[in-house]
Amino acid sequence: MSRRSARLAGVAVVLVAVLGGCGDETPVGAPGCEGAAIVLVAQSVPGADLVPCWKELPGGWTVSEVDIGSSGTTVDLDSDRAGRDAAKFSYHGSCDVARLGRLPSSRDDVQMHEDIRSLAGGLDSDRFFVFGGGCVKLTFSFQEFNDISHAEALVDALVLVERAELNNELATTSDKFVLR
């Protein structure tokens, strides 16, 4: 087992202990910006300069599934307005945005791209945030619902934390975790 795999396994044990991990009755939550969840997300893309998280999901959004592994993180989201599996969040080492134009970004270190496939009969689009060593992709699949403000609320709630900042915070709270 590699050192990285051993660290992931160790953090996974901590996360299970923190979240309770008791079968289907334990609610699944979005990767938050504090605690063990952000450590796991950070380790899923170890070369990325930024680590995504949510301080809080906007009203109407709930998490149906979270998959954090050695090749990235995915989160499936349900909406009380846009339906089940209305959005998917992905965090990986790269995204193919070569054919897409850039949108204005509020951060110099993040390129933003969008691919809107349809607005007729529902929203079908991808929003990409590309940065050093990583990429976040939000896929929206709204069936018969095209209120873009509902999608934008989810985008606006996404936080990109600098890995160096996260390392500094972890160093002050624990000598066991240093993200590489």
C-alpha atoms as a PDB file:
ATOM      1  CA  MET A   1       0.000   0.000   0.000  1.00  0.00           C
ATOM      2  CA  SER A   2       1.424   3.394  -0.981  1.00  0.00           C
ATOM      3  CA  ARG A   3       1.865   6.186   1.563  1.00  0.00           C
ATOM      4  CA  ARG A   4      -0.925   8.150  -0.151  1.00  0.00           C
ATOM      5  CA  SER A   5      -3.298   5.146  -0.016  1.00  0.00           C
ATOM      6  CA  ALA A   6      -2.434   4.605   3.635  1.00  0.00           C
ATOM      7  CA  ARG A   7      -3.180   8.275   4.390  1.00  0.00           C
ATOM      8  CA  LEU A   8      -6.499   8.019   2.495  1.00  0.00           C
ATOM      9  CA  ALA A   9      -7.406   4.885   4.426  1.00  0.00           C
ATOM     10  CA  GLY A  10      -6.515   6.550   7.722  1.00  0.00           C
ATOM     11  CA  VAL A  11      -8.553   9.631   6.910  1.00  0.00           C
ATOM     12  CA  ALA A  12     -11.459   7.433   5.755  1.00  0.00           C
ATOM     13  CA  VAL A  13     -11.480   5.730   9.167  1.00  0.00           C
ATOM     14  CA  VAL A  14     -11.588   9.151  10.831  1.00  0.00           C
ATOM     15  CA  LEU A  15     -14.399  10.277   8.526  1.00  0.00           C
ATOM     16  CA  VAL A  16     -16.471   7.153   9.214  1.00  0.00           C
ATOM     17  CA  ALA A  17     -15.988   7.706  12.930  1.00  0.00           C
ATOM     18  CA  VAL A  18     -16.961  11.379  12.641  1.00  0.00           C
ATOM     19  CA  LEU A  19     -20.022  10.780  10.460  1.00  0.00           C
ATOM     20  CA  GLY A  20     -21.222   7.716  12.324  1.00  0.00           C
ATOM     21  CA  GLY A  21     -21.316   5.419   9.291  1.00  0.00           C
ATOM     22  CA  CYS A  22     -24.335   3.404  10.415  1.00  0.00           C
ATOM     23  CA  GLY A  23     -25.893   2.012   7.249  1.00  0.00           C
ATOM     24  CA  ASP A  24     -28.730   3.617   5.338  1.00  0.00           C
ATOM     25  CA  GLU A  25     -29.989   5.699   8.251  1.00  0.00           C
ATOM     26  CA  THR A  26     -26.955   8.007   8.232  1.00  0.00           C
ATOM     27  CA  PRO A  27     -27.710  11.053   6.085  1.00  0.00           C
ATOM     28  CA  VAL A  28     -25.196  11.827   3.362  1.00  0.00           C
ATOM     29  CA  GLY A  29     -23.975  15.409   3.284  1.00  0.00           C
ATOM     30  CA  ALA A  30     -22.095  17.626   0.880  1.00  0.00           C
ATOM     31  CA  PRO A  31     -18.351  17.822   1.458  1.00  0.00           C
ATOM     32  CA  GLY A  32     -18.114  20.669   3.935  1.00  0.00           C
ATOM     33  CA  CYS A  33     -15.322  23.199   4.303  1.00  0.00           C
ATOM     34  CA  GLU A  34     -14.293  21.937   7.736  1.00  0.00           C
ATOM     35  CA  GLY A  35     -13.467  18.604   9.278  1.00  0.00           C
ATOM     36  CA  ALA A  36     -12.496  15.269   7.824  1.00  0.00           C
ATOM     37  CA  ALA A  37     -14.586  15.542   4.639  1.00  0.00           C
ATOM     38  CA  ILE A  38     -12.468  18.323   3.131  1.00  0.00           C
ATOM     39  CA  VAL A  39      -9.316  16.307   3.914  1.00  0.00           C
ATOM     40  CA  LEU A  40     -10.682  13.354   1.961  1.00  0.00           C
ATOM     41  CA  VAL A  41     -11.730  15.560  -0.956  1.00  0.00           C
ATOM     42  CA  ALA A  42      -8.273  17.184  -0.989  1.00  0.00           C
ATOM     43  CA  GLN A  43      -6.550  13.800  -1.048  1.00  0.00           C
ATOM     44  CA  SER A  44      -8.752  12.618  -3.926  1.00  0.00           C
ATOM     45  CA  VAL A  45      -6.927  15.096  -6.223  1.00  0.00           C
ATOM     46  CA  PRO A  46      -3.561  15.572  -4.505  1.00  0.00           C
ATOM     47  CA  GLY A  47      -1.993  17.724  -7.242  1.00  0.00           C
ATOM     48  CA  ALA A  48      -4.701  20.409  -7.262  1.00  0.00           C
ATOM     49  CA  ASP A  49      -3.961  23.919  -6.007  1.00  0.00           C
ATOM     50  CA  LEU A  50      -7.573  24.371  -4.861  1.00  0.00           C
ATOM     51  CA  VAL A  51      -9.984  22.141  -2.937  1.00  0.00           C
ATOM     52  CA  PRO A  52     -13.763  22.539  -3.445  1.00  0.00           C
ATOM     53  CA  CYS A  53     -16.317  22.441  -0.641  1.00  0.00           C
ATOM     54  CA  TRP A  54     -19.661  23.858   0.408  1.00  0.00           C
ATOM     55  CA  LYS A  55     -20.138  25.861   3.587  1.00  0.00           C
ATOM     56  CA  GLU A  56     -23.827  25.085   3.178  1.00  0.00           C
ATOM     57  CA  LEU A  57     -26.009  23.889   0.311  1.00  0.00           C
ATOM     58  CA  PRO A  58     -28.600  26.421  -0.849  1.00  0.00           C
ATOM     59  CA  GLY A  59     -32.280  25.836  -0.125  1.00  0.00           C
ATOM     60  CA  GLY A  60     -33.880  23.060  -2.125  1.00  0.00           C
ATOM     61  CA  TRP A  61     -30.670  21.072  -2.686  1.00  0.00           C
ATOM     62  CA  THR A  62     -29.832  17.763  -0.974  1.00  0.00           C
ATOM     63  CA  VAL A  63     -27.089  15.214  -1.498  1.00  0.00           C
ATOM     64  CA  SER A  64     -28.098  11.753  -2.668  1.00  0.00           C
ATOM     65  CA  GLU A  65     -24.651  10.170  -3.071  1.00  0.00           C
ATOM     66  CA  VAL A  66     -20.993  10.965  -2.398  1.00  0.00           C
ATOM     67  CA  ASP A  67     -18.058   9.062  -3.882  1.00  0.00           C
ATOM     68  CA  ILE A  68     -14.593  10.107  -2.717  1.00  0.00           C
ATOM     69  CA  GLY A  69     -11.777   7.971  -4.092  1.00  0.00           C
ATOM     70  CA  SER A  70      -8.205   8.023  -5.280  1.00  0.00           C
ATOM     71  CA  SER A  71      -9.195   9.374  -8.716  1.00  0.00           C
ATOM     72  CA  GLY A  72     -11.441  12.226  -7.594  1.00  0.00           C
ATOM     73  CA  THR A  73     -14.723  13.095  -5.940  1.00  0.00           C
ATOM     74  CA  THR A  74     -18.292  13.029  -7.258  1.00  0.00           C
ATOM     75  CA  VAL A  75     -21.442  14.187  -5.516  1.00  0.00           C
ATOM     76  CA  ASP A  76     -24.955  13.589  -6.846  1.00  0.00           C
ATOM     77  CA  LEU A  77     -27.489  16.240  -5.852  1.00  0.00           C
ATOM     78  CA  ASP A  78     -31.271  16.211  -5.803  1.00  0.00           C
ATOM     79  CA  SER A  79     -33.459  19.295  -6.009  1.00  0.00           C
ATOM     80  CA  ASP A  80     -36.922  19.852  -4.605  1.00  0.00           C
ATOM     81  CA  ARG A  81     -37.662  21.886  -7.763  1.00  0.00           C
ATOM     82  CA  ALA A  82     -35.568  20.375 -10.551  1.00  0.00           C
ATOM     83  CA  GLY A  83     -35.921  16.747  -9.460  1.00  0.00           C
ATOM     84  CA  ARG A  84     -33.824  13.747  -8.559  1.00  0.00           C
ATOM     85  CA  ASP A  85     -30.224  13.729  -9.833  1.00  0.00           C
ATOM     86  CA  ALA A  86     -30.649  17.341 -10.976  1.00  0.00           C
ATOM     87  CA  ALA A  87     -26.934  18.081 -10.564  1.00  0.00           C
ATOM     88  CA  LYS A  88     -23.637  16.243 -10.375  1.00  0.00           C
ATOM     89  CA  PHE A  89     -20.459  17.699  -8.905  1.00  0.00           C
ATOM     90  CA  SER A  90     -17.109  16.247 -10.041  1.00  0.00           C
ATOM     91  CA  TYR A  91     -13.594  17.087  -8.855  1.00  0.00           C
ATOM     92  CA  HIS A  92     -10.715  15.662 -10.882  1.00  0.00           C
ATOM     93  CA  GLY A  93      -7.169  16.414 -11.958  1.00  0.00           C
ATOM     94  CA  SER A  94      -8.298  17.826 -15.319  1.00  0.00           C
ATOM     95  CA  CYS A  95     -11.288  18.541 -17.564  1.00  0.00           C
ATOM     96  CA  ASP A  96     -11.476  18.794 -21.343  1.00  0.00           C
ATOM     97  CA  VAL A  97     -12.589  22.366 -22.014  1.00  0.00           C
ATOM     98  CA  ALA A  98     -10.623  22.892 -25.251  1.00  0.00           C
ATOM     99  CA  ARG A  99     -13.745  23.420 -27.373  1.00  0.00           C
ATOM    100  CA  LEU A 100     -15.415  25.786 -24.891  1.00  0.00           C
ATOM    101  CA  GLY A 101     -15.045  29.542 -24.614  1.00  0.00           C
ATOM    102  CA  ARG A 102     -14.091  31.183 -21.333  1.00  0.00           C
ATOM    103  CA  LEU A 103     -16.452  33.083 -19.086  1.00  0.00           C
ATOM    104  CA  PRO A 104     -15.459  35.879 -16.726  1.00  0.00           C
ATOM    105  CA  SER A 105     -14.148  34.558 -13.417  1.00  0.00           C
ATOM    106  CA  SER A 106     -14.015  36.301 -10.065  1.00  0.00           C
ATOM    107  CA  ARG A 107     -10.601  34.700  -9.407  1.00  0.00           C
ATOM    108  CA  ASP A 108      -7.407  35.162 -11.411  1.00  0.00           C
ATOM    109  CA  ASP A 109      -6.306  31.589 -10.650  1.00  0.00           C
ATOM    110  CA  VAL A 110      -9.548  29.986 -11.925  1.00  0.00           C
ATOM    111  CA  GLN A 111     -10.756  29.719 -15.521  1.00  0.00           C
ATOM    112  CA  MET A 112     -14.506  29.308 -15.905  1.00  0.00           C
ATOM    113  CA  HIS A 113     -16.158  27.612 -18.899  1.00  0.00           C
ATOM    114  CA  GLU A 114     -19.744  26.622 -19.684  1.00  0.00           C
ATOM    115  CA  ASP A 115     -21.411  24.231 -22.093  1.00  0.00           C
ATOM    116  CA  ILE A 116     -25.168  24.831 -22.375  1.00  0.00           C
ATOM    117  CA  ARG A 117     -26.697  22.051 -24.429  1.00  0.00           C
ATOM    118  CA  SER A 118     -30.348  22.942 -23.891  1.00  0.00           C
ATOM    119  CA  LEU A 119     -32.688  25.334 -22.128  1.00  0.00           C
ATOM    120  CA  ALA A 120     -35.839  24.144 -23.900  1.00  0.00           C
ATOM    121  CA  GLY A 121     -37.876  21.850 -21.670  1.00  0.00           C
ATOM    122  CA  GLY A 122     -35.221  21.893 -18.955  1.00  0.00           C
ATOM    123  CA  LEU A 123     -31.643  22.913 -18.233  1.00  0.00           C
ATOM    124  CA  ASP A 124     -28.916  20.638 -19.604  1.00  0.00           C
ATOM    125  CA  SER A 125     -25.467  22.163 -19.065  1.00  0.00           C
ATOM    126  CA  ASP A 126     -21.960  21.832 -17.604  1.00  0.00           C
ATOM    127  CA  ARG A 127     -20.055  24.532 -15.723  1.00  0.00           C
ATOM    128  CA  PHE A 128     -16.290  24.073 -15.345  1.00  0.00           C
ATOM    129  CA  PHE A 129     -13.822  25.677 -12.933  1.00  0.00           C
ATOM    130  CA  VAL A 130     -10.264  24.933 -14.078  1.00  0.00           C
ATOM    131  CA  PHE A 131      -7.202  25.698 -11.946  1.00  0.00           C
ATOM    132  CA  GLY A 132      -3.666  24.467 -11.343  1.00  0.00           C
ATOM    133  CA  GLY A 133      -3.726  20.665 -11.125  1.00  0.00           C
ATOM    134  CA  GLY A 134      -7.503  20.344 -10.900  1.00  0.00           C
ATOM    135  CA  CYS A 135     -10.984  20.967 -12.203  1.00  0.00           C
ATOM    136  CA  VAL A 136     -14.498  21.137 -10.793  1.00  0.00           C
ATOM    137  CA  LYS A 137     -17.392  20.292 -13.089  1.00  0.00           C
ATOM    138  CA  LEU A 138     -21.031  20.931 -12.218  1.00  0.00           C
ATOM    139  CA  THR A 139     -23.485  19.157 -14.517  1.00  0.00           C
ATOM    140  CA  PHE A 140     -27.103  20.294 -14.441  1.00  0.00           C
ATOM    141  CA  SER A 141     -29.858  17.998 -15.720  1.00  0.00           C
ATOM    142  CA  PHE A 142     -33.123  19.740 -14.910  1.00  0.00           C
ATOM    143  CA  GLN A 143     -36.104  17.857 -16.327  1.00  0.00           C
ATOM    144  CA  GLU A 144     -38.916  20.220 -17.385  1.00  0.00           C
ATOM    145  CA  PHE A 145     -37.436  22.953 -15.180  1.00  0.00           C
ATOM    146  CA  ASN A 146     -35.181  25.661 -16.534  1.00  0.00           C
ATOM    147  CA  ASP A 147     -34.866  28.204 -13.721  1.00  0.00           C
ATOM    148  CA  ILE A 148     -31.194  29.060 -14.088  1.00  0.00           C
ATOM    149  CA  SER A 149     -31.211  30.929 -10.765  1.00  0.00           C
ATOM    150  CA  HIS A 150     -31.647  27.574  -8.992  1.00  0.00           C
ATOM    151  CA  ALA A 151     -28.462  26.314 -10.676  1.00  0.00           C
ATOM    152  CA  GLU A 152     -26.618  29.590 -10.004  1.00  0.00           C
ATOM    153  CA  ALA A 153     -27.419  29.320  -6.286  1.00  0.00           C
ATOM    154  CA  LEU A 154     -25.536  26.010  -6.215  1.00  0.00           C
ATOM    155  CA  VAL A 155     -22.620  27.485  -8.179  1.00  0.00           C
ATOM    156  CA  ASP A 156     -22.468  30.495  -5.845  1.00  0.00           C
ATOM    157  CA  ALA A 157     -22.376  28.243  -2.766  1.00  0.00           C
ATOM    158  CA  LEU A 158     -19.285  26.405  -4.015  1.00  0.00           C
ATOM    159  CA  VAL A 159     -16.070  27.463  -2.251  1.00  0.00           C
ATOM    160  CA  LEU A 160     -12.569  26.852  -3.605  1.00  0.00           C
ATOM    161  CA  VAL A 161     -10.080  26.696  -0.735  1.00  0.00           C
ATOM    162  CA  GLU A 162      -6.366  27.059  -1.398  1.00  0.00           C
ATOM    163  CA  ARG A 163      -4.530  23.855  -0.525  1.00  0.00           C
ATOM    164  CA  ALA A 164      -1.800  25.868   1.230  1.00  0.00           C
ATOM    165  CA  GLU A 165      -4.452  27.538   3.421  1.00  0.00           C
ATOM    166  CA  LEU A 166      -5.959  24.152   4.226  1.00  0.00           C
ATOM    167  CA  ASN A 167      -2.507  22.779   5.104  1.00  0.00           C
ATOM    168  CA  ASN A 168      -1.876  25.714   7.451  1.00  0.00           C
ATOM    169  CA  GLU A 169      -5.218  25.149   9.158  1.00  0.00           C
ATOM    170  CA  LEU A 170      -4.557  21.414   9.499  1.00  0.00           C
ATOM    171  CA  ALA A 171      -1.075  22.080  10.885  1.00  0.00           C
ATOM    172  CA  THR A 172      -2.520  24.192  13.677  1.00  0.00           C
ATOM    173  CA  THR A 173      -5.231  21.685  14.593  1.00  0.00           C
ATOM    174  CA  SER A 174      -3.473  18.380  14.021  1.00  0.00           C
ATOM    175  CA  ASP A 175       0.056  17.145  13.479  1.00  0.00           C
ATOM    176  CA  LYS A 176      -1.233  14.016  11.731  1.00  0.00           C
ATOM    177  CA  PHE A 177      -2.459  15.486   8.437  1.00  0.00           C
ATOM    178  CA  VAL A 178      -0.434  17.346   5.856  1.00  0.00           C
ATOM    179  CA  LEU A 179      -1.858  17.361   2.351  1.00  0.00           C
ATOM    180  CA  ARG A 180       0.581  16.723  -0.457  1.00  0.00           C
END
